[in-house]
Structure formats: structure tokens, C-alpha cells
Amino acid sequence: MPEQSSHRVERVNELIRRELVVLLKQGTKDPRLQKVTITDVISSRDLSYARVFFTVDSENRSVVEPLLEKASGFFRSSLSKKLELRHTPALRFIFDPAPNTGARIEDLLSKI
């Protein structure tokens, strides 16, 4: 059973990542958020929360980080309408200084 739930979490992570990319490009009116790139999504096993790794140019980071946190409720409610999940995970946005670094660190830590 853990193998099956692991695949499910990976599928949900990919769905969340895809939908967030679309929401950032089409669903937000703030042009600063349209420059954000979602690099990875890592959800907890029970899908209660998801860490969303993002990257943006360094001069916009200080502005974009609080905007994403403030809009996390909007993103969560939009995801709940698009995805057919019983519970939509709470989103926590984490700046990824080098694309895929956060994901690689998480993978290494989970293997230990």
C-alpha cells in the first residue's frame, strides 16, 4: 500500500504544479507573479500540506515571496475547484535559489 500512495502523491504533486503554473500565468492580475516559475511541489503523505518551490529573478524575490504567501488561499481554493481531491493541501511557498535544488535536497533527506 505505501508504494501505491507514493505514486498517488507524486501524481498529485505534478497536478498541483501544472495548475499553479496555469494560475500564475492566466489567473493572476499582478504582473510580478507572472514572472514566477514553479520548480517543484512536494506534498506530505497525507496531502494535508504541500511545499511549492519557486524561482524568480533576485530583484523581485523580496516582493514576490510575500505576495505568494498572501495569495496562497486564493491558489488553494482555485486548485480545489480544478482538482478532484477530497482535501486540497495547504500551500507553503519556498524560494528555490537554483532550480531543482530544493527538490534534490528533499529527495536526499527522504532517503536517509
PDB file of N, CA and C in Angstrom:
ATOM      1  N   MET A   1       0.809  -1.215   0.000  1.00  0.00           N
ATOM      2  CA  MET A   1       0.000   0.000   0.000  1.00  0.00           C
ATOM      3  C   MET A   1       0.849   1.274   0.000  1.00  0.00           C
ATOM      4  N   PRO A   2       1.971   1.331   0.756  1.00  0.00           N
ATOM      5  CA  PRO A   2       2.764   2.556   0.720  1.00  0.00           C
ATOM      6  C   PRO A   2       3.256   2.882  -0.682  1.00  0.00           C
ATOM      7  N   GLU A   3       3.562   1.878  -1.480  1.00  0.00           N
ATOM      8  CA  GLU A   3       4.018   2.114  -2.843  1.00  0.00           C
ATOM      9  C   GLU A   3       2.936   2.810  -3.653  1.00  0.00           C
ATOM     10  N   GLN A   4       1.695   2.364  -3.493  1.00  0.00           N
ATOM     11  CA  GLN A   4       0.582   2.962  -4.227  1.00  0.00           C
ATOM     12  C   GLN A   4       0.363   4.411  -3.787  1.00  0.00           C
ATOM     13  N   SER A   5       0.393   4.670  -2.475  1.00  0.00           N
ATOM     14  CA  SER A   5       0.163   6.037  -2.008  1.00  0.00           C
ATOM     15  C   SER A   5       1.302   6.954  -2.447  1.00  0.00           C
ATOM     16  N   SER A   6       2.514   6.407  -2.540  1.00  0.00           N
ATOM     17  CA  SER A   6       3.650   7.188  -3.009  1.00  0.00           C
ATOM     18  C   SER A   6       3.427   7.660  -4.450  1.00  0.00           C
ATOM     19  N   HIS A   7       2.938   6.763  -5.287  1.00  0.00           N
ATOM     20  CA  HIS A   7       2.647   7.146  -6.676  1.00  0.00           C
ATOM     21  C   HIS A   7       1.518   8.164  -6.735  1.00  0.00           C
ATOM     22  N   ARG A   8       0.544   8.007  -5.883  1.00  0.00           N
ATOM     23  CA  ARG A   8      -0.573   8.949  -5.849  1.00  0.00           C
ATOM     24  C   ARG A   8      -0.090  10.339  -5.461  1.00  0.00           C
ATOM     25  N   VAL A   9       0.759  10.411  -4.451  1.00  0.00           N
ATOM     26  CA  VAL A   9       1.291  11.703  -4.012  1.00  0.00           C
ATOM     27  C   VAL A   9       2.094  12.342  -5.139  1.00  0.00           C
ATOM     28  N   GLU A  10       2.881  11.552  -5.859  1.00  0.00           N
ATOM     29  CA  GLU A  10       3.649  12.090  -6.982  1.00  0.00           C
ATOM     30  C   GLU A  10       2.732  12.630  -8.079  1.00  0.00           C
ATOM     31  N   ARG A  11       1.650  11.914  -8.374  1.00  0.00           N
ATOM     32  CA  ARG A  11       0.694  12.392  -9.377  1.00  0.00           C
ATOM     33  C   ARG A  11       0.031  13.687  -8.917  1.00  0.00           C
ATOM     34  N   VAL A  12      -0.356  13.737  -7.651  1.00  0.00           N
ATOM     35  CA  VAL A  12      -0.987  14.941  -7.109  1.00  0.00           C
ATOM     36  C   VAL A  12       0.000  16.111  -7.148  1.00  0.00           C
ATOM     37  N   ASN A  13       1.269  15.855  -6.809  1.00  0.00           N
ATOM     38  CA  ASN A  13       2.293  16.903  -6.876  1.00  0.00           C
ATOM     39  C   ASN A  13       2.379  17.482  -8.281  1.00  0.00           C
ATOM     40  N   GLU A  14       2.397  16.609  -9.272  1.00  0.00           N
ATOM     41  CA  GLU A  14       2.503  17.067 -10.662  1.00  0.00           C
ATOM     42  C   GLU A  14       1.247  17.847 -11.080  1.00  0.00           C
ATOM     43  N   LEU A  15       0.078  17.374 -10.666  1.00  0.00           N
ATOM     44  CA  LEU A  15      -1.170  18.096 -10.974  1.00  0.00           C
ATOM     45  C   LEU A  15      -1.167  19.493 -10.351  1.00  0.00           C
ATOM     46  N   ILE A  16      -0.746  19.565  -9.096  1.00  0.00           N
ATOM     47  CA  ILE A  16      -0.703  20.857  -8.412  1.00  0.00           C
ATOM     48  C   ILE A  16       0.276  21.780  -9.124  1.00  0.00           C
ATOM     49  N   ARG A  17       1.451  21.271  -9.485  1.00  0.00           N
ATOM     50  CA  ARG A  17       2.456  22.085 -10.168  1.00  0.00           C
ATOM     51  C   ARG A  17       1.912  22.640 -11.483  1.00  0.00           C
ATOM     52  N   ARG A  18       1.286  21.761 -12.275  1.00  0.00           N
ATOM     53  CA  ARG A  18       0.729  22.206 -13.566  1.00  0.00           C
ATOM     54  C   ARG A  18      -0.343  23.268 -13.388  1.00  0.00           C
ATOM     55  N   GLU A  19      -1.242  23.043 -12.456  1.00  0.00           N
ATOM     56  CA  GLU A  19      -2.337  24.001 -12.240  1.00  0.00           C
ATOM     57  C   GLU A  19      -1.824  25.333 -11.703  1.00  0.00           C
ATOM     58  N   LEU A  20      -0.817  25.289 -10.836  1.00  0.00           N
ATOM     59  CA  LEU A  20      -0.256  26.540 -10.320  1.00  0.00           C
ATOM     60  C   LEU A  20       0.423  27.341 -11.428  1.00  0.00           C
ATOM     61  N   VAL A  21       1.082  26.646 -12.344  1.00  0.00           N
ATOM     62  CA  VAL A  21       1.707  27.338 -13.483  1.00  0.00           C
ATOM     63  C   VAL A  21       0.636  28.065 -14.292  1.00  0.00           C
ATOM     64  N   VAL A  22      -0.460  27.386 -14.561  1.00  0.00           N
ATOM     65  CA  VAL A  22      -1.551  27.994 -15.326  1.00  0.00           C
ATOM     66  C   VAL A  22      -2.157  29.162 -14.542  1.00  0.00           C
ATOM     67  N   LEU A  23      -2.379  28.971 -13.244  1.00  0.00           N
ATOM     68  CA  LEU A  23      -2.954  30.037 -12.424  1.00  0.00           C
ATOM     69  C   LEU A  23      -2.050  31.270 -12.379  1.00  0.00           C
ATOM     70  N   LEU A  24      -0.756  31.039 -12.262  1.00  0.00           N
ATOM     71  CA  LEU A  24       0.173  32.176 -12.213  1.00  0.00           C
ATOM     72  C   LEU A  24       0.193  32.939 -13.531  1.00  0.00           C
ATOM     73  N   LYS A  25       0.083  32.229 -14.633  1.00  0.00           N
ATOM     74  CA  LYS A  25       0.151  32.879 -15.950  1.00  0.00           C
ATOM     75  C   LYS A  25      -1.182  33.506 -16.354  1.00  0.00           C
ATOM     76  N   GLN A  26      -2.293  32.852 -16.010  1.00  0.00           N
ATOM     77  CA  GLN A  26      -3.597  33.314 -16.506  1.00  0.00           C
ATOM     78  C   GLN A  26      -4.553  33.789 -15.423  1.00  0.00           C
ATOM     79  N   GLY A  27      -4.382  33.298 -14.202  1.00  0.00           N
ATOM     80  CA  GLY A  27      -5.366  33.583 -13.160  1.00  0.00           C
ATOM     81  C   GLY A  27      -5.039  34.757 -12.270  1.00  0.00           C
ATOM     82  N   THR A  28      -3.828  35.283 -12.389  1.00  0.00           N
ATOM     83  CA  THR A  28      -3.453  36.412 -11.535  1.00  0.00           C
ATOM     84  C   THR A  28      -3.352  37.688 -12.358  1.00  0.00           C
ATOM     85  N   LYS A  29      -3.712  38.776 -11.739  1.00  0.00           N
ATOM     86  CA  LYS A  29      -3.682  40.063 -12.436  1.00  0.00           C
ATOM     87  C   LYS A  29      -2.369  40.803 -12.177  1.00  0.00           C
ATOM     88  N   ASP A  30      -1.638  40.366 -11.153  1.00  0.00           N
ATOM     89  CA  ASP A  30      -0.390  41.030 -10.788  1.00  0.00           C
ATOM     90  C   ASP A  30       0.737  40.576 -11.724  1.00  0.00           C
ATOM     91  N   PRO A  31       1.307  41.480 -12.505  1.00  0.00           N
ATOM     92  CA  PRO A  31       2.358  41.090 -13.453  1.00  0.00           C
ATOM     93  C   PRO A  31       3.618  40.548 -12.778  1.00  0.00           C
ATOM     94  N   ARG A  32       3.844  40.905 -11.513  1.00  0.00           N
ATOM     95  CA  ARG A  32       5.024  40.396 -10.800  1.00  0.00           C
ATOM     96  C   ARG A  32       4.916  38.891 -10.571  1.00  0.00           C
ATOM     97  N   LEU A  33       3.707  38.399 -10.371  1.00  0.00           N
ATOM     98  CA  LEU A  33       3.517  36.964 -10.147  1.00  0.00           C
ATOM     99  C   LEU A  33       3.631  36.161 -11.436  1.00  0.00           C
ATOM    100  N   GLN A  34       3.462  36.805 -12.571  1.00  0.00           N
ATOM    101  CA  GLN A  34       3.549  36.094 -13.836  1.00  0.00           C
ATOM    102  C   GLN A  34       4.993  35.761 -14.205  1.00  0.00           C
ATOM    103  N   LYS A  35       5.954  36.342 -13.490  1.00  0.00           N
ATOM    104  CA  LYS A  35       7.364  36.051 -13.733  1.00  0.00           C
ATOM    105  C   LYS A  35       7.873  34.882 -12.884  1.00  0.00           C
ATOM    106  N   VAL A  36       7.022  34.338 -12.033  1.00  0.00           N
ATOM    107  CA  VAL A  36       7.401  33.248 -11.139  1.00  0.00           C
ATOM    108  C   VAL A  36       7.407  31.933 -11.909  1.00  0.00           C
ATOM    109  N   THR A  37       8.409  31.102 -11.616  1.00  0.00           N
ATOM    110  CA  THR A  37       8.474  29.770 -12.189  1.00  0.00           C
ATOM    111  C   THR A  37       8.370  28.757 -11.053  1.00  0.00           C
ATOM    112  N   ILE A  38       7.424  27.837 -11.162  1.00  0.00           N
ATOM    113  CA  ILE A  38       7.269  26.782 -10.170  1.00  0.00           C
ATOM    114  C   ILE A  38       8.234  25.660 -10.546  1.00  0.00           C
ATOM    115  N   THR A  39       9.183  25.357  -9.651  1.00  0.00           N
ATOM    116  CA  THR A  39      10.178  24.336  -9.970  1.00  0.00           C
ATOM    117  C   THR A  39       9.774  22.960  -9.479  1.00  0.00           C
ATOM    118  N   ASP A  40       9.054  22.894  -8.355  1.00  0.00           N
ATOM    119  CA  ASP A  40       8.660  21.587  -7.834  1.00  0.00           C
ATOM    120  C   ASP A  40       7.575  21.752  -6.777  1.00  0.00           C
ATOM    121  N   VAL A  41       6.842  20.670  -6.548  1.00  0.00           N
ATOM    122  CA  VAL A  41       5.847  20.618  -5.477  1.00  0.00           C
ATOM    123  C   VAL A  41       6.084  19.317  -4.729  1.00  0.00           C
ATOM    124  N   ILE A  42       6.182  19.417  -3.407  1.00  0.00           N
ATOM    125  CA  ILE A  42       6.364  18.222  -2.588  1.00  0.00           C
ATOM    126  C   ILE A  42       5.294  18.246  -1.506  1.00  0.00           C
ATOM    127  N   SER A  43       4.398  17.263  -1.566  1.00  0.00           N
ATOM    128  CA  SER A  43       3.293  17.181  -0.615  1.00  0.00           C
ATOM    129  C   SER A  43       3.617  16.185   0.490  1.00  0.00           C
ATOM    130  N   SER A  44       2.950  16.379   1.623  1.00  0.00           N
ATOM    131  CA  SER A  44       3.065  15.396   2.692  1.00  0.00           C
ATOM    132  C   SER A  44       2.325  14.128   2.269  1.00  0.00           C
ATOM    133  N   ARG A  45       2.621  13.037   2.936  1.00  0.00           N
ATOM    134  CA  ARG A  45       1.990  11.754   2.568  1.00  0.00           C
ATOM    135  C   ARG A  45       0.473  11.806   2.656  1.00  0.00           C
ATOM    136  N   ASP A  46      -0.034  12.523   3.666  1.00  0.00           N
ATOM    137  CA  ASP A  46      -1.485  12.601   3.837  1.00  0.00           C
ATOM    138  C   ASP A  46      -2.110  13.748   3.041  1.00  0.00           C
ATOM    139  N   LEU A  47      -1.283  14.445   2.247  1.00  0.00           N
ATOM    140  CA  LEU A  47      -1.732  15.547   1.394  1.00  0.00           C
ATOM    141  C   LEU A  47      -2.368  16.695   2.179  1.00  0.00           C
ATOM    142  N   SER A  48      -1.949  16.864   3.437  1.00  0.00           N
ATOM    143  CA  SER A  48      -2.507  17.966   4.219  1.00  0.00           C
ATOM    144  C   SER A  48      -1.812  19.292   3.888  1.00  0.00           C
ATOM    145  N   TYR A  49      -0.557  19.215   3.449  1.00  0.00           N
ATOM    146  CA  TYR A  49       0.140  20.433   3.050  1.00  0.00           C
ATOM    147  C   TYR A  49       1.088  20.107   1.904  1.00  0.00           C
ATOM    148  N   ALA A  50       1.468  21.142   1.181  1.00  0.00           N
ATOM    149  CA  ALA A  50       2.394  20.991   0.061  1.00  0.00           C
ATOM    150  C   ALA A  50       3.384  22.142   0.085  1.00  0.00           C
ATOM    151  N   ARG A  51       4.646  21.816  -0.088  1.00  0.00           N
ATOM    152  CA  ARG A  51       5.684  22.836  -0.231  1.00  0.00           C
ATOM    153  C   ARG A  51       5.847  23.079  -1.724  1.00  0.00           C
ATOM    154  N   VAL A  52       5.700  24.335  -2.095  1.00  0.00           N
ATOM    155  CA  VAL A  52       5.797  24.730  -3.503  1.00  0.00           C
ATOM    156  C   VAL A  52       7.100  25.500  -3.676  1.00  0.00           C
ATOM    157  N   PHE A  53       8.026  24.910  -4.430  1.00  0.00           N
ATOM    158  CA  PHE A  53       9.309  25.557  -4.685  1.00  0.00           C
ATOM    159  C   PHE A  53       9.171  26.431  -5.923  1.00  0.00           C
ATOM    160  N   PHE A  54       9.646  27.670  -5.810  1.00  0.00           N
ATOM    161  CA  PHE A  54       9.531  28.600  -6.931  1.00  0.00           C
ATOM    162  C   PHE A  54      10.839  29.346  -7.116  1.00  0.00           C
ATOM    163  N   THR A  55      11.015  29.898  -8.285  1.00  0.00           N
ATOM    164  CA  THR A  55      12.166  30.740  -8.569  1.00  0.00           C
ATOM    165  C   THR A  55      11.685  31.988  -9.302  1.00  0.00           C
ATOM    166  N   VAL A  56      12.419  33.061  -9.083  1.00  0.00           N
ATOM    167  CA  VAL A  56      12.121  34.345  -9.705  1.00  0.00           C
ATOM    168  C   VAL A  56      13.428  35.138  -9.688  1.00  0.00           C
ATOM    169  N   ASP A  57      13.558  36.117 -10.556  1.00  0.00           N
ATOM    170  CA  ASP A  57      14.800  36.889 -10.570  1.00  0.00           C
ATOM    171  C   ASP A  57      15.013  37.562  -9.212  1.00  0.00           C
ATOM    172  N   SER A  58      16.270  37.717  -8.844  1.00  0.00           N
ATOM    173  CA  SER A  58      16.625  38.140  -7.488  1.00  0.00           C
ATOM    174  C   SER A  58      16.057  39.505  -7.094  1.00  0.00           C
ATOM    175  N   GLU A  59      15.919  40.423  -8.037  1.00  0.00           N
ATOM    176  CA  GLU A  59      15.400  41.748  -7.658  1.00  0.00           C
ATOM    177  C   GLU A  59      13.910  41.721  -7.311  1.00  0.00           C
ATOM    178  N   ASN A  60      13.183  40.711  -7.776  1.00  0.00           N
ATOM    179  CA  ASN A  60      11.758  40.604  -7.464  1.00  0.00           C
ATOM    180  C   ASN A  60      11.452  39.670  -6.297  1.00  0.00           C
ATOM    181  N   ARG A  61      12.453  38.958  -5.801  1.00  0.00           N
ATOM    182  CA  ARG A  61      12.211  37.951  -4.761  1.00  0.00           C
ATOM    183  C   ARG A  61      11.563  38.553  -3.514  1.00  0.00           C
ATOM    184  N   SER A  62      12.084  39.678  -3.042  1.00  0.00           N
ATOM    185  CA  SER A  62      11.573  40.271  -1.799  1.00  0.00           C
ATOM    186  C   SER A  62      10.121  40.732  -1.943  1.00  0.00           C
ATOM    187  N   VAL A  63       9.697  41.008  -3.162  1.00  0.00           N
ATOM    188  CA  VAL A  63       8.321  41.436  -3.401  1.00  0.00           C
ATOM    189  C   VAL A  63       7.409  40.233  -3.629  1.00  0.00           C
ATOM    190  N   VAL A  64       7.917  39.259  -4.368  1.00  0.00           N
ATOM    191  CA  VAL A  64       7.093  38.123  -4.793  1.00  0.00           C
ATOM    192  C   VAL A  64       6.797  37.151  -3.654  1.00  0.00           C
ATOM    193  N   GLU A  65       7.789  36.917  -2.777  1.00  0.00           N
ATOM    194  CA  GLU A  65       7.599  35.953  -1.693  1.00  0.00           C
ATOM    195  C   GLU A  65       6.385  36.277  -0.825  1.00  0.00           C
ATOM    196  N   PRO A  66       6.254  37.508  -0.314  1.00  0.00           N
ATOM    197  CA  PRO A  66       5.056  37.824   0.485  1.00  0.00           C
ATOM    198  C   PRO A  66       3.768  37.773  -0.340  1.00  0.00           C
ATOM    199  N   LEU A  67       3.851  38.140  -1.618  1.00  0.00           N
ATOM    200  CA  LEU A  67       2.652  38.077  -2.469  1.00  0.00           C
ATOM    201  C   LEU A  67       2.147  36.644  -2.607  1.00  0.00           C
ATOM    202  N   LEU A  68       3.066  35.706  -2.804  1.00  0.00           N
ATOM    203  CA  LEU A  68       2.671  34.304  -2.942  1.00  0.00           C
ATOM    204  C   LEU A  68       2.053  33.780  -1.649  1.00  0.00           C
ATOM    205  N   GLU A  69       2.664  34.109  -0.522  1.00  0.00           N
ATOM    206  CA  GLU A  69       2.116  33.662   0.759  1.00  0.00           C
ATOM    207  C   GLU A  69       0.726  34.254   0.992  1.00  0.00           C
ATOM    208  N   LYS A  70       0.574  35.522   0.645  1.00  0.00           N
ATOM    209  CA  LYS A  70      -0.719  36.185   0.822  1.00  0.00           C
ATOM    210  C   LYS A  70      -1.780  35.570  -0.098  1.00  0.00           C
ATOM    211  N   ALA A  71      -1.368  35.169  -1.297  1.00  0.00           N
ATOM    212  CA  ALA A  71      -2.309  34.605  -2.272  1.00  0.00           C
ATOM    213  C   ALA A  71      -2.476  33.090  -2.136  1.00  0.00           C
ATOM    214  N   SER A  72      -1.835  32.478  -1.154  1.00  0.00           N
ATOM    215  CA  SER A  72      -1.904  31.014  -1.045  1.00  0.00           C
ATOM    216  C   SER A  72      -3.343  30.515  -0.860  1.00  0.00           C
ATOM    217  N   GLY A  73      -4.173  31.277  -0.168  1.00  0.00           N
ATOM    218  CA  GLY A  73      -5.581  30.900  -0.008  1.00  0.00           C
ATOM    219  C   GLY A  73      -6.319  30.917  -1.339  1.00  0.00           C
ATOM    220  N   PHE A  74      -6.045  31.935  -2.149  1.00  0.00           N
ATOM    221  CA  PHE A  74      -6.634  32.012  -3.484  1.00  0.00           C
ATOM    222  C   PHE A  74      -6.207  30.814  -4.332  1.00  0.00           C
ATOM    223  N   PHE A  75      -4.889  30.500  -4.296  1.00  0.00           N
ATOM    224  CA  PHE A  75      -4.399  29.366  -5.075  1.00  0.00           C
ATOM    225  C   PHE A  75      -5.014  28.054  -4.589  1.00  0.00           C
ATOM    226  N   ARG A  76      -5.133  27.904  -3.282  1.00  0.00           N
ATOM    227  CA  ARG A  76      -5.708  26.671  -2.727  1.00  0.00           C
ATOM    228  C   ARG A  76      -7.172  26.514  -3.140  1.00  0.00           C
ATOM    229  N   SER A  77      -7.933  27.587  -3.064  1.00  0.00           N
ATOM    230  CA  SER A  77      -9.347  27.485  -3.444  1.00  0.00           C
ATOM    231  C   SER A  77      -9.495  27.245  -4.949  1.00  0.00           C
ATOM    232  N   SER A  78      -8.637  27.857  -5.741  1.00  0.00           N
ATOM    233  CA  SER A  78      -8.674  27.619  -7.185  1.00  0.00           C
ATOM    234  C   SER A  78      -8.305  26.176  -7.506  1.00  0.00           C
ATOM    235  N   LEU A  79      -7.312  25.642  -6.797  1.00  0.00           N
ATOM    236  CA  LEU A  79      -6.929  24.244  -7.001  1.00  0.00           C
ATOM    237  C   LEU A  79      -8.055  23.302  -6.605  1.00  0.00           C
ATOM    238  N   SER A  80      -8.761  23.626  -5.536  1.00  0.00           N
ATOM    239  CA  SER A  80      -9.841  22.744  -5.092  1.00  0.00           C
ATOM    240  C   SER A  80     -10.975  22.690  -6.114  1.00  0.00           C
ATOM    241  N   LYS A  81     -11.158  23.762  -6.868  1.00  0.00           N
ATOM    242  CA  LYS A  81     -12.187  23.758  -7.909  1.00  0.00           C
ATOM    243  C   LYS A  81     -11.738  22.973  -9.143  1.00  0.00           C
ATOM    244  N   LYS A  82     -10.414  23.008  -9.430  1.00  0.00           N
ATOM    245  CA  LYS A  82      -9.889  22.343 -10.631  1.00  0.00           C
ATOM    246  C   LYS A  82      -9.605  20.861 -10.416  1.00  0.00           C
ATOM    247  N   LEU A  83      -9.029  20.538  -9.271  1.00  0.00           N
ATOM    248  CA  LEU A  83      -8.627  19.160  -8.990  1.00  0.00           C
ATOM    249  C   LEU A  83      -9.730  18.442  -8.235  1.00  0.00           C
ATOM    250  N   GLU A  84      -9.863  17.197  -8.492  1.00  0.00           N
ATOM    251  CA  GLU A  84     -10.903  16.416  -7.824  1.00  0.00           C
ATOM    252  C   GLU A  84     -10.289  15.665  -6.640  1.00  0.00           C
ATOM    253  N   LEU A  85      -9.976  16.429  -5.596  1.00  0.00           N
ATOM    254  CA  LEU A  85      -9.400  15.855  -4.385  1.00  0.00           C
ATOM    255  C   LEU A  85     -10.379  16.042  -3.243  1.00  0.00           C
ATOM    256  N   ARG A  86     -10.350  15.103  -2.321  1.00  0.00           N
ATOM    257  CA  ARG A  86     -11.221  15.240  -1.154  1.00  0.00           C
ATOM    258  C   ARG A  86     -10.804  16.468  -0.335  1.00  0.00           C
ATOM    259  N   HIS A  87      -9.480  16.612  -0.128  1.00  0.00           N
ATOM    260  CA  HIS A  87      -8.944  17.764   0.594  1.00  0.00           C
ATOM    261  C   HIS A  87      -7.801  18.344  -0.224  1.00  0.00           C
ATOM    262  N   THR A  88      -7.813  19.639  -0.396  1.00  0.00           N
ATOM    263  CA  THR A  88      -6.735  20.303  -1.118  1.00  0.00           C
ATOM    264  C   THR A  88      -5.667  20.695  -0.101  1.00  0.00           C
ATOM    265  N   PRO A  89      -4.409  20.375  -0.372  1.00  0.00           N
ATOM    266  CA  PRO A  89      -3.351  20.681   0.588  1.00  0.00           C
ATOM    267  C   PRO A  89      -3.163  22.185   0.802  1.00  0.00           C
ATOM    268  N   ALA A  90      -2.771  22.553   2.017  1.00  0.00           N
ATOM    269  CA  ALA A  90      -2.372  23.930   2.302  1.00  0.00           C
ATOM    270  C   ALA A  90      -1.042  24.155   1.597  1.00  0.00           C
ATOM    271  N   LEU A  91      -0.866  25.332   1.030  1.00  0.00           N
ATOM    272  CA  LEU A  91       0.322  25.606   0.233  1.00  0.00           C
ATOM    273  C   LEU A  91       1.307  26.476   1.001  1.00  0.00           C
ATOM    274  N   ARG A  92       2.571  26.097   0.950  1.00  0.00           N
ATOM    275  CA  ARG A  92       3.648  26.905   1.525  1.00  0.00           C
ATOM    276  C   ARG A  92       4.671  27.135   0.427  1.00  0.00           C
ATOM    277  N   PHE A  93       4.920  28.387   0.117  1.00  0.00           N
ATOM    278  CA  PHE A  93       5.827  28.739  -0.975  1.00  0.00           C
ATOM    279  C   PHE A  93       7.248  28.924  -0.436  1.00  0.00           C
ATOM    280  N   ILE A  94       8.199  28.253  -1.087  1.00  0.00           N
ATOM    281  CA  ILE A  94       9.598  28.290  -0.671  1.00  0.00           C
ATOM    282  C   ILE A  94      10.444  28.684  -1.873  1.00  0.00           C
ATOM    283  N   PHE A  95      11.266  29.717  -1.687  1.00  0.00           N
ATOM    284  CA  PHE A  95      12.137  30.171  -2.770  1.00  0.00           C
ATOM    285  C   PHE A  95      13.203  29.112  -3.041  1.00  0.00           C
ATOM    286  N   ASP A  96      13.384  28.784  -4.297  1.00  0.00           N
ATOM    287  CA  ASP A  96      14.376  27.807  -4.738  1.00  0.00           C
ATOM    288  C   ASP A  96      15.501  28.591  -5.412  1.00  0.00           C
ATOM    289  N   PRO A  97      16.665  28.775  -4.734  1.00  0.00           N
ATOM    290  CA  PRO A  97      17.727  29.614  -5.287  1.00  0.00           C
ATOM    291  C   PRO A  97      18.298  29.099  -6.607  1.00  0.00           C
ATOM    292  N   ALA A  98      18.334  27.810  -6.769  1.00  0.00           N
ATOM    293  CA  ALA A  98      18.765  27.212  -8.037  1.00  0.00           C
ATOM    294  C   ALA A  98      17.703  26.187  -8.404  1.00  0.00           C
ATOM    295  N   PRO A  99      17.121  26.272  -9.583  1.00  0.00           N
ATOM    296  CA  PRO A  99      16.044  25.352  -9.946  1.00  0.00           C
ATOM    297  C   PRO A  99      16.413  23.894  -9.671  1.00  0.00           C
ATOM    298  N   ASN A 100      15.463  23.206  -9.081  1.00  0.00           N
ATOM    299  CA  ASN A 100      15.548  21.787  -8.731  1.00  0.00           C
ATOM    300  C   ASN A 100      16.460  21.489  -7.547  1.00  0.00           C
ATOM    301  N   THR A 101      17.097  22.486  -6.948  1.00  0.00           N
ATOM    302  CA  THR A 101      17.942  22.230  -5.779  1.00  0.00           C
ATOM    303  C   THR A 101      17.088  21.788  -4.607  1.00  0.00           C
ATOM    304  N   GLY A 102      15.997  22.491  -4.369  1.00  0.00           N
ATOM    305  CA  GLY A 102      15.115  22.137  -3.262  1.00  0.00           C
ATOM    306  C   GLY A 102      14.578  20.733  -3.390  1.00  0.00           C
ATOM    307  N   ALA A 103      14.201  20.362  -4.576  1.00  0.00           N
ATOM    308  CA  ALA A 103      13.674  19.021  -4.803  1.00  0.00           C
ATOM    309  C   ALA A 103      14.747  17.971  -4.560  1.00  0.00           C
ATOM    310  N   ARG A 104      15.972  18.240  -5.014  1.00  0.00           N
ATOM    311  CA  ARG A 104      17.052  17.269  -4.818  1.00  0.00           C
ATOM    312  C   ARG A 104      17.376  17.121  -3.342  1.00  0.00           C
ATOM    313  N   ILE A 105      17.390  18.198  -2.595  1.00  0.00           N
ATOM    314  CA  ILE A 105      17.662  18.125  -1.168  1.00  0.00           C
ATOM    315  C   ILE A 105      16.578  17.318  -0.458  1.00  0.00           C
ATOM    316  N   GLU A 106      15.324  17.574  -0.807  1.00  0.00           N
ATOM    317  CA  GLU A 106      14.219  16.828  -0.209  1.00  0.00           C
ATOM    318  C   GLU A 106      14.342  15.344  -0.511  1.00  0.00           C
ATOM    319  N   ASP A 107      14.698  14.989  -1.757  1.00  0.00           N
ATOM    320  CA  ASP A 107      14.871  13.586  -2.116  1.00  0.00           C
ATOM    321  C   ASP A 107      15.977  12.943  -1.300  1.00  0.00           C
ATOM    322  N   LEU A 108      17.102  13.645  -1.160  1.00  0.00           N
ATOM    323  CA  LEU A 108      18.213  13.104  -0.383  1.00  0.00           C
ATOM    324  C   LEU A 108      17.838  12.923   1.091  1.00  0.00           C
ATOM    325  N   LEU A 109      17.139  13.898   1.651  1.00  0.00           N
ATOM    326  CA  LEU A 109      16.730  13.788   3.043  1.00  0.00           C
ATOM    327  C   LEU A 109      15.724  12.662   3.263  1.00  0.00           C
ATOM    328  N   SER A 110      14.841  12.461   2.314  1.00  0.00           N
ATOM    329  CA  SER A 110      13.842  11.401   2.473  1.00  0.00           C
ATOM    330  C   SER A 110      14.471  10.013   2.362  1.00  0.00           C
ATOM    331  N   LYS A 111      15.610   9.916   1.669  1.00  0.00           N
ATOM    332  CA  LYS A 111      16.286   8.622   1.528  1.00  0.00           C
ATOM    333  C   LYS A 111      17.119   8.253   2.748  1.00  0.00           C
ATOM    334  N   ILE A 112      17.421   9.267   3.581  1.00  0.00           N
ATOM    335  CA  ILE A 112      18.255   8.996   4.768  1.00  0.00           C
ATOM    336  C   ILE A 112      17.432   8.301   5.830  1.00  0.00           C
TER     337      ILE A 112
END
